[in-house]
C-alpha atoms as a PDB file:
ATOM      1  CA  MET A   1       2.406  -6.989  11.961  1.00  0.00           C
ATOM      2  CA  THR A   2       6.040  -6.027  11.539  1.00  0.00           C
ATOM      3  CA  THR A   3       8.352  -3.056  11.143  1.00  0.00           C
ATOM      4  CA  ALA A   4       8.686  -4.089   7.478  1.00  0.00           C
ATOM      5  CA  ARG A   5       5.043  -3.046   7.044  1.00  0.00           C
ATOM      6  CA  ARG A   6       3.952  -6.573   6.411  1.00  0.00           C
ATOM      7  CA  TYR A   7       1.701  -9.210   7.913  1.00  0.00           C
ATOM      8  CA  GLU A   8       3.786 -12.286   8.694  1.00  0.00           C
ATOM      9  CA  PRO A   9       2.778 -14.741   7.419  1.00  0.00           C
ATOM     10  CA  ALA A  10       0.846 -13.045   4.657  1.00  0.00           C
ATOM     11  CA  THR A  11      -1.416 -16.032   4.257  1.00  0.00           C
ATOM     12  CA  VAL A  12      -2.847 -17.991   7.167  1.00  0.00           C
ATOM     13  CA  THR A  13      -4.887 -21.145   6.838  1.00  0.00           C
ATOM     14  CA  ILE A  14      -7.289 -22.190   9.612  1.00  0.00           C
ATOM     15  CA  LYS A  15     -10.170 -24.569  10.091  1.00  0.00           C
ATOM     16  CA  LYS A  16     -13.774 -23.266  10.200  1.00  0.00           C
ATOM     17  CA  GLY A  17     -14.382 -21.852  13.694  1.00  0.00           C
ATOM     18  CA  GLY A  18     -10.707 -21.046  14.190  1.00  0.00           C
ATOM     19  CA  THR A  19      -9.358 -17.804  15.592  1.00  0.00           C
ATOM     20  CA  VAL A  20      -6.541 -15.689  14.148  1.00  0.00           C
ATOM     21  CA  THR A  21      -4.715 -13.354  16.535  1.00  0.00           C
ATOM     22  CA  PHE A  22      -2.854 -10.386  15.052  1.00  0.00           C
ATOM     23  CA  SER A  23      -0.059  -8.944  17.204  1.00  0.00           C
ATOM     24  CA  ASN A  24       1.564  -5.603  16.483  1.00  0.00           C
ATOM     25  CA  ASP A  25       5.297  -6.197  16.912  1.00  0.00           C
ATOM     26  CA  SER A  26       6.087  -2.887  15.191  1.00  0.00           C
ATOM     27  CA  GLU A  27       6.664   0.581  16.632  1.00  0.00           C
ATOM     28  CA  GLU A  28       4.148   1.857  14.084  1.00  0.00           C
ATOM     29  CA  PRO A  29       0.383   1.509  14.482  1.00  0.00           C
ATOM     30  CA  HIS A  30      -1.391  -0.730  11.978  1.00  0.00           C
ATOM     31  CA  SER A  31      -4.937  -1.812  11.147  1.00  0.00           C
ATOM     32  CA  VAL A  32      -6.551  -5.089  10.146  1.00  0.00           C
ATOM     33  CA  THR A  33      -9.288  -4.073   7.648  1.00  0.00           C
ATOM     34  CA  ALA A  34     -11.220  -6.558   5.498  1.00  0.00           C
ATOM     35  CA  TYR A  35     -11.741  -5.738   1.824  1.00  0.00           C
ATOM     36  CA  GLU A  36     -15.529  -5.729   1.860  1.00  0.00           C
ATOM     37  CA  GLY A  37     -15.855  -7.316  -1.576  1.00  0.00           C
ATOM     38  CA  ARG A  38     -13.205  -9.931  -0.894  1.00  0.00           C
ATOM     39  CA  ILE A  39     -14.719 -11.912   1.949  1.00  0.00           C
ATOM     40  CA  PRO A  40     -17.288 -14.713   1.586  1.00  0.00           C
ATOM     41  CA  ALA A  41     -20.864 -13.634   0.940  1.00  0.00           C
ATOM     42  CA  ASP A  42     -23.119 -13.418   3.965  1.00  0.00           C
ATOM     43  CA  THR A  43     -20.139 -13.058   6.279  1.00  0.00           C
ATOM     44  CA  ARG A  44     -19.913 -10.422   8.988  1.00  0.00           C
ATOM     45  CA  TYR A  45     -17.484  -7.688   8.027  1.00  0.00           C
ATOM     46  CA  PHE A  46     -14.399  -7.260  10.254  1.00  0.00           C
ATOM     47  CA  SER A  47     -11.919  -4.529  11.073  1.00  0.00           C
ATOM     48  CA  THR A  48      -9.994  -3.263  14.003  1.00  0.00           C
ATOM     49  CA  GLY A  49     -12.149  -0.668  15.585  1.00  0.00           C
ATOM     50  CA  ASP A  50     -15.138  -2.975  14.967  1.00  0.00           C
ATOM     51  CA  PHE A  51     -16.587  -1.053  12.014  1.00  0.00           C
ATOM     52  CA  SER A  52     -19.327  -2.690   9.974  1.00  0.00           C
ATOM     53  CA  THR A  53     -18.157  -1.512   6.521  1.00  0.00           C
ATOM     54  CA  GLU A  54     -14.880  -0.833   4.774  1.00  0.00           C
ATOM     55  CA  GLU A  55     -15.955   2.723   4.131  1.00  0.00           C
ATOM     56  CA  GLN A  56     -16.505   3.371   7.818  1.00  0.00           C
ATOM     57  CA  ALA A  57     -13.131   1.926   8.661  1.00  0.00           C
ATOM     58  CA  ARG A  58     -11.376   4.049   6.056  1.00  0.00           C
ATOM     59  CA  ASP A  59     -13.260   7.170   7.289  1.00  0.00           C
ATOM     60  CA  ASN A  60     -12.149   6.524  10.900  1.00  0.00           C
ATOM     61  CA  VAL A  61      -8.512   5.450  10.463  1.00  0.00           C
ATOM     62  CA  ALA A  62      -7.390   6.619  13.919  1.00  0.00           C
ATOM     63  CA  GLU A  63      -9.965   4.348  15.570  1.00  0.00           C
ATOM     64  CA  THR A  64      -8.752   1.266  13.621  1.00  0.00           C
ATOM     65  CA  LEU A  65      -5.102   1.452  14.714  1.00  0.00           C
ATOM     66  CA  VAL A  66      -3.482  -1.268  16.791  1.00  0.00           C
ATOM     67  CA  GLN A  67      -0.573   0.025  18.749  1.00  0.00           C
ATOM     68  CA  ASN A  68       2.737  -1.716  19.521  1.00  0.00           C
ATOM     69  CA  GLY A  69       2.199  -4.724  21.719  1.00  0.00           C
ATOM     70  CA  ASP A  70      -1.563  -4.794  21.261  1.00  0.00           C
ATOM     71  CA  THR A  71      -3.555  -7.581  19.597  1.00  0.00           C
ATOM     72  CA  PHE A  72      -6.709  -8.118  17.561  1.00  0.00           C
ATOM     73  CA  GLU A  73      -8.567 -11.436  17.247  1.00  0.00           C
ATOM     74  CA  ILE A  74     -11.017 -12.646  14.649  1.00  0.00           C
ATOM     75  CA  THR A  75     -12.928 -15.970  14.735  1.00  0.00           C
ATOM     76  CA  LEU A  76     -14.143 -17.092  11.317  1.00  0.00           C
ATOM     77  CA  THR A  77     -16.909 -19.671  10.886  1.00  0.00           C
ATOM     78  CA  LYS A  78     -17.547 -19.663   7.137  1.00  0.00           C
ATOM     79  CA  PRO A  79     -15.116 -21.391   4.746  1.00  0.00           C
ATOM     80  CA  GLY A  80     -13.538 -19.251   2.094  1.00  0.00           C
ATOM     81  CA  VAL A  81     -10.826 -16.641   1.527  1.00  0.00           C
ATOM     82  CA  TYR A  82     -10.814 -13.434   3.529  1.00  0.00           C
ATOM     83  CA  GLU A  83      -8.565 -10.643   2.182  1.00  0.00           C
ATOM     84  CA  TYR A  84      -7.504  -7.762   4.451  1.00  0.00           C
ATOM     85  CA  PHE A  85      -5.096  -4.799   4.540  1.00  0.00           C
ATOM     86  CA  CYS A  86      -3.588  -2.044   6.731  1.00  0.00           C
ATOM     87  CA  ILE A  87      -5.203   1.272   5.941  1.00  0.00           C
ATOM     88  CA  PRO A  88      -2.141   3.427   6.472  1.00  0.00           C
ATOM     89  CA  HIS A  89       0.174   1.035   4.592  1.00  0.00           C
ATOM     90  CA  GLU A  90      -2.066  -0.419   1.915  1.00  0.00           C
ATOM     91  CA  SER A  91      -0.262   1.410  -0.900  1.00  0.00           C
ATOM     92  CA  GLN A  92       2.985  -0.085   0.367  1.00  0.00           C
ATOM     93  CA  GLY A  93       1.639  -3.643  -0.017  1.00  0.00           C
ATOM     94  CA  MET A  94       0.587  -4.398   3.567  1.00  0.00           C
ATOM     95  CA  LYS A  95      -2.055  -6.954   2.657  1.00  0.00           C
ATOM     96  CA  GLY A  96      -2.849 -10.505   3.697  1.00  0.00           C
ATOM     97  CA  GLU A  97      -5.426 -13.283   3.510  1.00  0.00           C
ATOM     98  CA  ILE A  98      -6.966 -15.880   5.723  1.00  0.00           C
ATOM     99  CA  VAL A  99      -8.021 -19.147   4.138  1.00  0.00           C
ATOM    100  CA  VAL A 100     -10.764 -20.921   6.103  1.00  0.00           C
ATOM    101  CA  GLU A 101     -11.154 -24.579   5.399  1.00  0.00           C
ATOM    102  CA  SER A 102     -14.140 -26.790   6.254  1.00  0.00           C
END
């Protein structure tokens, strides 16, 4: 997460069972919030703040924020594409995806 309000890189490819670590290198707080309809079926939803739905995450923005220097990790065990965004900066294009390969 950067001061340019971007995830760098915007697309990450990992193997099934791999872990992605997000680090906030920006002075601004950011979130990592999955698009509920854009993750593989039968996959546990993920967001900073550990909400179980996108709606809950959006309704509790303050609890989803990762501050400067903090990290968030997600381990993904099902192959597919996982799309996510930053709630406060979604309209500015702060979006990314994780591609999980078998």
